[in-house]
Amino acid sequence: MKTKRPWVIAILVLLIVGLGVWLWPVIQIVLGLGLLEKGEKRTWTGDSLDNLRRQHVAMTLYLESEGQFPSATGWMDAIEPRLKVGDMSEEESKKKLVSPPLLGRPGQYGYAMNEAASQKIPEEIENPDITALIFESQATERNAQGDPARDMANPPRGDGNHYVTISGNAKKK
């Protein structure tokens, strides 16, 4: 048995058209203000201390989610996703892993993780307020690791060797 209900279709069409007419001024305002458009992406202009602070925040996020610091052999790979922000391109976010004097030199980073902190929690490390977690290093490859007392950049890059402690204090040596 076939039933015809053209009035149901007519009512639905009228409701859709009515809703569109009613919402049209709101749609115009939203489009006019550019609220649906993506804004300009900002650039990263931080110095080495800024980079180290951001790296420490990313390390802390990693620590909170994984229960320990990452392995020193892959620390940059582990924290890189935690350096991204919505108003900055991925390329700009990656600059936070590069010592500013090395920007524009492909494959050179200039930071190393203290191997003594590898896969540990802060409570396992003596003197967290003065012990370096990440430091400007002689080694410039990605995921560099070492001993800050032995492997800090020599000669220092820029205005001195910078590092961030286990507890998050960014310092200049």
C-alpha atoms as a PDB file:
ATOM      1  CA  MET A   1       0.000   0.000   0.000  1.00  0.00           C
ATOM      2  CA  LYS A   2       1.472   3.293  -1.142  1.00  0.00           C
ATOM      3  CA  THR A   3       0.697   6.478   0.800  1.00  0.00           C
ATOM      4  CA  LYS A   4       1.419   9.939  -0.461  1.00  0.00           C
ATOM      5  CA  ARG A   5       2.317  12.615   2.000  1.00  0.00           C
ATOM      6  CA  PRO A   6       3.393  15.640   0.016  1.00  0.00           C
ATOM      7  CA  TRP A   7       2.432  17.911   2.899  1.00  0.00           C
ATOM      8  CA  VAL A   8       5.206  16.367   5.095  1.00  0.00           C
ATOM      9  CA  ILE A   9       7.837  17.225   2.495  1.00  0.00           C
ATOM     10  CA  ALA A  10       6.389  20.723   2.083  1.00  0.00           C
ATOM     11  CA  ILE A  11       6.530  21.335   5.853  1.00  0.00           C
ATOM     12  CA  LEU A  12      10.163  20.142   6.030  1.00  0.00           C
ATOM     13  CA  VAL A  13      11.160  22.400   3.148  1.00  0.00           C
ATOM     14  CA  LEU A  14       9.418  25.373   4.787  1.00  0.00           C
ATOM     15  CA  LEU A  15      11.143  24.664   8.116  1.00  0.00           C
ATOM     16  CA  ILE A  16      14.569  24.491   6.486  1.00  0.00           C
ATOM     17  CA  VAL A  17      13.990  27.682   4.487  1.00  0.00           C
ATOM     18  CA  GLY A  18      12.596  29.453   7.550  1.00  0.00           C
ATOM     19  CA  LEU A  19      15.553  28.410   9.683  1.00  0.00           C
ATOM     20  CA  GLY A  20      17.944  29.619   6.985  1.00  0.00           C
ATOM     21  CA  VAL A  21      16.211  33.014   6.745  1.00  0.00           C
ATOM     22  CA  TRP A  22      16.183  33.351  10.517  1.00  0.00           C
ATOM     23  CA  LEU A  23      19.899  32.423  10.903  1.00  0.00           C
ATOM     24  CA  TRP A  24      21.137  34.368   7.859  1.00  0.00           C
ATOM     25  CA  PRO A  25      21.966  37.573   9.823  1.00  0.00           C
ATOM     26  CA  VAL A  26      23.959  35.549  12.359  1.00  0.00           C
ATOM     27  CA  ILE A  27      25.832  33.764   9.568  1.00  0.00           C
ATOM     28  CA  GLN A  28      26.656  37.137   7.974  1.00  0.00           C
ATOM     29  CA  ILE A  29      28.020  38.499  11.257  1.00  0.00           C
ATOM     30  CA  VAL A  30      30.188  35.421  11.862  1.00  0.00           C
ATOM     31  CA  LEU A  31      31.576  35.532   8.324  1.00  0.00           C
ATOM     32  CA  GLY A  32      32.089  39.307   8.492  1.00  0.00           C
ATOM     33  CA  LEU A  33      34.088  39.073  11.699  1.00  0.00           C
ATOM     34  CA  GLY A  34      36.259  36.326  10.272  1.00  0.00           C
ATOM     35  CA  LEU A  35      35.523  34.008  13.164  1.00  0.00           C
ATOM     36  CA  LEU A  36      35.681  30.949  10.946  1.00  0.00           C
ATOM     37  CA  GLU A  37      38.963  31.879   9.297  1.00  0.00           C
ATOM     38  CA  LYS A  38      42.301  30.621  10.574  1.00  0.00           C
ATOM     39  CA  GLY A  39      44.432  33.437  11.898  1.00  0.00           C
ATOM     40  CA  GLU A  40      48.009  34.245  11.086  1.00  0.00           C
ATOM     41  CA  LYS A  41      50.511  31.843  12.596  1.00  0.00           C
ATOM     42  CA  ARG A  42      53.090  33.494  14.807  1.00  0.00           C
ATOM     43  CA  THR A  43      56.808  32.946  14.598  1.00  0.00           C
ATOM     44  CA  TRP A  44      59.105  31.722  17.360  1.00  0.00           C
ATOM     45  CA  THR A  45      61.588  34.374  18.429  1.00  0.00           C
ATOM     46  CA  GLY A  46      62.804  32.979  21.747  1.00  0.00           C
ATOM     47  CA  ASP A  47      66.395  32.949  22.936  1.00  0.00           C
ATOM     48  CA  SER A  48      68.214  29.954  24.402  1.00  0.00           C
ATOM     49  CA  LEU A  49      66.763  30.444  27.889  1.00  0.00           C
ATOM     50  CA  ASP A  50      63.250  30.586  26.380  1.00  0.00           C
ATOM     51  CA  ASN A  51      63.957  27.383  24.446  1.00  0.00           C
ATOM     52  CA  LEU A  52      65.185  25.633  27.583  1.00  0.00           C
ATOM     53  CA  ARG A  53      62.114  26.752  29.543  1.00  0.00           C
ATOM     54  CA  ARG A  54      59.809  25.376  26.824  1.00  0.00           C
ATOM     55  CA  GLN A  55      61.816  22.152  26.674  1.00  0.00           C
ATOM     56  CA  HIS A  56      61.431  21.797  30.439  1.00  0.00           C
ATOM     57  CA  VAL A  57      57.659  22.269  30.189  1.00  0.00           C
ATOM     58  CA  ALA A  58      57.572  19.561  27.503  1.00  0.00           C
ATOM     59  CA  MET A  59      59.741  17.303  29.698  1.00  0.00           C
ATOM     60  CA  THR A  60      57.361  17.870  32.610  1.00  0.00           C
ATOM     61  CA  LEU A  61      54.377  16.964  30.429  1.00  0.00           C
ATOM     62  CA  TYR A  62      56.209  13.821  29.337  1.00  0.00           C
ATOM     63  CA  LEU A  63      57.055  12.994  32.961  1.00  0.00           C
ATOM     64  CA  GLU A  64      53.422  13.425  34.018  1.00  0.00           C
ATOM     65  CA  SER A  65      52.093  11.192  31.247  1.00  0.00           C
ATOM     66  CA  GLU A  66      54.817   8.525  31.208  1.00  0.00           C
ATOM     67  CA  GLY A  67      55.907   8.483  34.863  1.00  0.00           C
ATOM     68  CA  GLN A  68      59.578   9.248  34.182  1.00  0.00           C
ATOM     69  CA  PHE A  69      61.837  11.393  32.023  1.00  0.00           C
ATOM     70  CA  PRO A  70      62.402  10.019  28.496  1.00  0.00           C
ATOM     71  CA  SER A  71      65.442   8.024  27.499  1.00  0.00           C
ATOM     72  CA  ALA A  72      68.329  10.369  26.784  1.00  0.00           C
ATOM     73  CA  THR A  73      68.891   8.622  23.445  1.00  0.00           C
ATOM     74  CA  GLY A  74      65.508   9.822  22.127  1.00  0.00           C
ATOM     75  CA  TRP A  75      64.564  12.744  24.342  1.00  0.00           C
ATOM     76  CA  MET A  76      63.924  15.261  21.529  1.00  0.00           C
ATOM     77  CA  ASP A  77      61.734  12.782  19.678  1.00  0.00           C
ATOM     78  CA  ALA A  78      59.786  12.194  22.907  1.00  0.00           C
ATOM     79  CA  ILE A  79      59.117  15.840  23.769  1.00  0.00           C
ATOM     80  CA  GLU A  80      58.717  17.355  20.289  1.00  0.00           C
ATOM     81  CA  PRO A  81      54.939  16.703  20.120  1.00  0.00           C
ATOM     82  CA  ARG A  82      54.570  18.505  23.454  1.00  0.00           C
ATOM     83  CA  LEU A  83      56.197  21.683  22.065  1.00  0.00           C
ATOM     84  CA  LYS A  84      53.461  22.302  19.494  1.00  0.00           C
ATOM     85  CA  VAL A  85      50.963  25.119  19.963  1.00  0.00           C
ATOM     86  CA  GLY A  86      47.878  25.940  17.921  1.00  0.00           C
ATOM     87  CA  ASP A  87      48.914  29.420  16.804  1.00  0.00           C
ATOM     88  CA  MET A  88      52.360  28.385  15.553  1.00  0.00           C
ATOM     89  CA  SER A  89      53.322  26.249  12.569  1.00  0.00           C
ATOM     90  CA  GLU A  90      55.049  22.931  13.180  1.00  0.00           C
ATOM     91  CA  GLU A  91      58.228  24.323  11.633  1.00  0.00           C
ATOM     92  CA  GLU A  92      58.240  27.272  14.050  1.00  0.00           C
ATOM     93  CA  SER A  93      57.558  24.990  17.042  1.00  0.00           C
ATOM     94  CA  LYS A  94      60.601  22.885  16.103  1.00  0.00           C
ATOM     95  CA  LYS A  95      62.821  25.956  16.534  1.00  0.00           C
ATOM     96  CA  LYS A  96      62.419  25.486  20.290  1.00  0.00           C
ATOM     97  CA  LEU A  97      64.757  22.479  19.964  1.00  0.00           C
ATOM     98  CA  VAL A  98      67.539  24.466  18.257  1.00  0.00           C
ATOM     99  CA  SER A  99      70.070  26.710  19.952  1.00  0.00           C
ATOM    100  CA  PRO A 100      69.526  30.147  18.301  1.00  0.00           C
ATOM    101  CA  PRO A 101      73.102  30.478  16.921  1.00  0.00           C
ATOM    102  CA  LEU A 102      72.512  27.165  15.062  1.00  0.00           C
ATOM    103  CA  LEU A 103      69.228  28.141  13.390  1.00  0.00           C
ATOM    104  CA  GLY A 104      69.403  27.624   9.652  1.00  0.00           C
ATOM    105  CA  ARG A 105      71.994  24.852   9.939  1.00  0.00           C
ATOM    106  CA  PRO A 106      70.162  21.636   9.038  1.00  0.00           C
ATOM    107  CA  GLY A 107      70.713  18.741  11.453  1.00  0.00           C
ATOM    108  CA  GLN A 108      72.265  20.923  14.162  1.00  0.00           C
ATOM    109  CA  TYR A 109      70.454  21.424  17.446  1.00  0.00           C
ATOM    110  CA  GLY A 110      72.991  22.252  20.176  1.00  0.00           C
ATOM    111  CA  TYR A 111      71.128  20.926  23.212  1.00  0.00           C
ATOM    112  CA  ALA A 112      71.774  17.729  25.144  1.00  0.00           C
ATOM    113  CA  MET A 113      69.981  15.883  27.916  1.00  0.00           C
ATOM    114  CA  ASN A 114      71.853  14.990  31.073  1.00  0.00           C
ATOM    115  CA  GLU A 115      72.304  11.226  30.759  1.00  0.00           C
ATOM    116  CA  ALA A 116      72.046  10.936  34.561  1.00  0.00           C
ATOM    117  CA  ALA A 117      68.342  11.887  34.291  1.00  0.00           C
ATOM    118  CA  SER A 118      67.538   9.351  31.579  1.00  0.00           C
ATOM    119  CA  GLN A 119      64.382   7.368  32.428  1.00  0.00           C
ATOM    120  CA  LYS A 120      64.364   8.627  36.014  1.00  0.00           C
ATOM    121  CA  ILE A 121      61.966  10.597  38.161  1.00  0.00           C
ATOM    122  CA  PRO A 122      63.098  13.869  39.789  1.00  0.00           C
ATOM    123  CA  GLU A 123      63.159  12.301  43.271  1.00  0.00           C
ATOM    124  CA  GLU A 124      65.908   9.908  42.109  1.00  0.00           C
ATOM    125  CA  ILE A 125      68.246  12.776  41.207  1.00  0.00           C
ATOM    126  CA  GLU A 126      70.337  14.600  43.793  1.00  0.00           C
ATOM    127  CA  ASN A 127      70.116  18.389  44.000  1.00  0.00           C
ATOM    128  CA  PRO A 128      67.295  18.927  41.457  1.00  0.00           C
ATOM    129  CA  ASP A 129      67.521  22.713  41.915  1.00  0.00           C
ATOM    130  CA  ILE A 130      71.090  22.825  40.576  1.00  0.00           C
ATOM    131  CA  THR A 131      71.426  19.651  38.478  1.00  0.00           C
ATOM    132  CA  ALA A 132      71.108  20.308  34.743  1.00  0.00           C
ATOM    133  CA  LEU A 133      68.396  18.401  32.880  1.00  0.00           C
ATOM    134  CA  ILE A 134      69.049  19.938  29.427  1.00  0.00           C
ATOM    135  CA  PHE A 135      72.074  22.022  28.517  1.00  0.00           C
ATOM    136  CA  GLU A 136      73.788  23.703  25.569  1.00  0.00           C
ATOM    137  CA  SER A 137      76.257  21.098  24.430  1.00  0.00           C
ATOM    138  CA  GLN A 138      79.322  20.626  22.270  1.00  0.00           C
ATOM    139  CA  ALA A 139      77.413  17.916  20.439  1.00  0.00           C
ATOM    140  CA  THR A 140      74.968  19.426  17.965  1.00  0.00           C
ATOM    141  CA  GLU A 141      73.147  16.322  16.671  1.00  0.00           C
ATOM    142  CA  ARG A 142      69.518  15.559  17.482  1.00  0.00           C
ATOM    143  CA  ASN A 143      68.940  13.686  20.756  1.00  0.00           C
ATOM    144  CA  ALA A 144      72.439  14.473  22.034  1.00  0.00           C
ATOM    145  CA  GLN A 145      73.106  13.395  25.593  1.00  0.00           C
ATOM    146  CA  GLY A 146      75.993  13.599  27.985  1.00  0.00           C
ATOM    147  CA  ASP A 147      77.403  14.932  31.237  1.00  0.00           C
ATOM    148  CA  PRO A 148      76.969  18.697  31.612  1.00  0.00           C
ATOM    149  CA  ALA A 149      80.263  19.027  33.506  1.00  0.00           C
ATOM    150  CA  ARG A 150      82.111  17.474  30.564  1.00  0.00           C
ATOM    151  CA  ASP A 151      79.955  18.199  27.504  1.00  0.00           C
ATOM    152  CA  MET A 152      78.754  21.823  27.716  1.00  0.00           C
ATOM    153  CA  ALA A 153      79.485  23.866  24.612  1.00  0.00           C
ATOM    154  CA  ASN A 154      83.116  24.915  24.507  1.00  0.00           C
ATOM    155  CA  PRO A 155      83.493  27.690  23.554  1.00  0.00           C
ATOM    156  CA  PRO A 156      80.064  28.838  24.698  1.00  0.00           C
ATOM    157  CA  ARG A 157      77.577  29.873  22.002  1.00  0.00           C
ATOM    158  CA  GLY A 158      76.146  33.371  22.247  1.00  0.00           C
ATOM    159  CA  ASP A 159      76.387  35.031  25.653  1.00  0.00           C
ATOM    160  CA  GLY A 160      77.315  31.897  27.640  1.00  0.00           C
ATOM    161  CA  ASN A 161      76.256  28.332  28.291  1.00  0.00           C
ATOM    162  CA  HIS A 162      72.642  27.956  29.305  1.00  0.00           C
ATOM    163  CA  TYR A 163      70.899  25.070  30.987  1.00  0.00           C
ATOM    164  CA  VAL A 164      67.664  24.195  32.740  1.00  0.00           C
ATOM    165  CA  THR A 165      67.669  22.257  35.999  1.00  0.00           C
ATOM    166  CA  ILE A 166      65.623  19.217  36.939  1.00  0.00           C
ATOM    167  CA  SER A 167      63.293  21.515  38.923  1.00  0.00           C
ATOM    168  CA  GLY A 168      62.908  23.974  36.009  1.00  0.00           C
ATOM    169  CA  ASN A 169      65.295  26.808  36.790  1.00  0.00           C
ATOM    170  CA  ALA A 170      66.767  28.186  33.557  1.00  0.00           C
ATOM    171  CA  LYS A 171      70.318  29.371  34.209  1.00  0.00           C
ATOM    172  CA  LYS A 172      73.450  30.708  32.538  1.00  0.00           C
ATOM    173  CA  LYS A 173      76.814  29.290  33.478  1.00  0.00           C
END
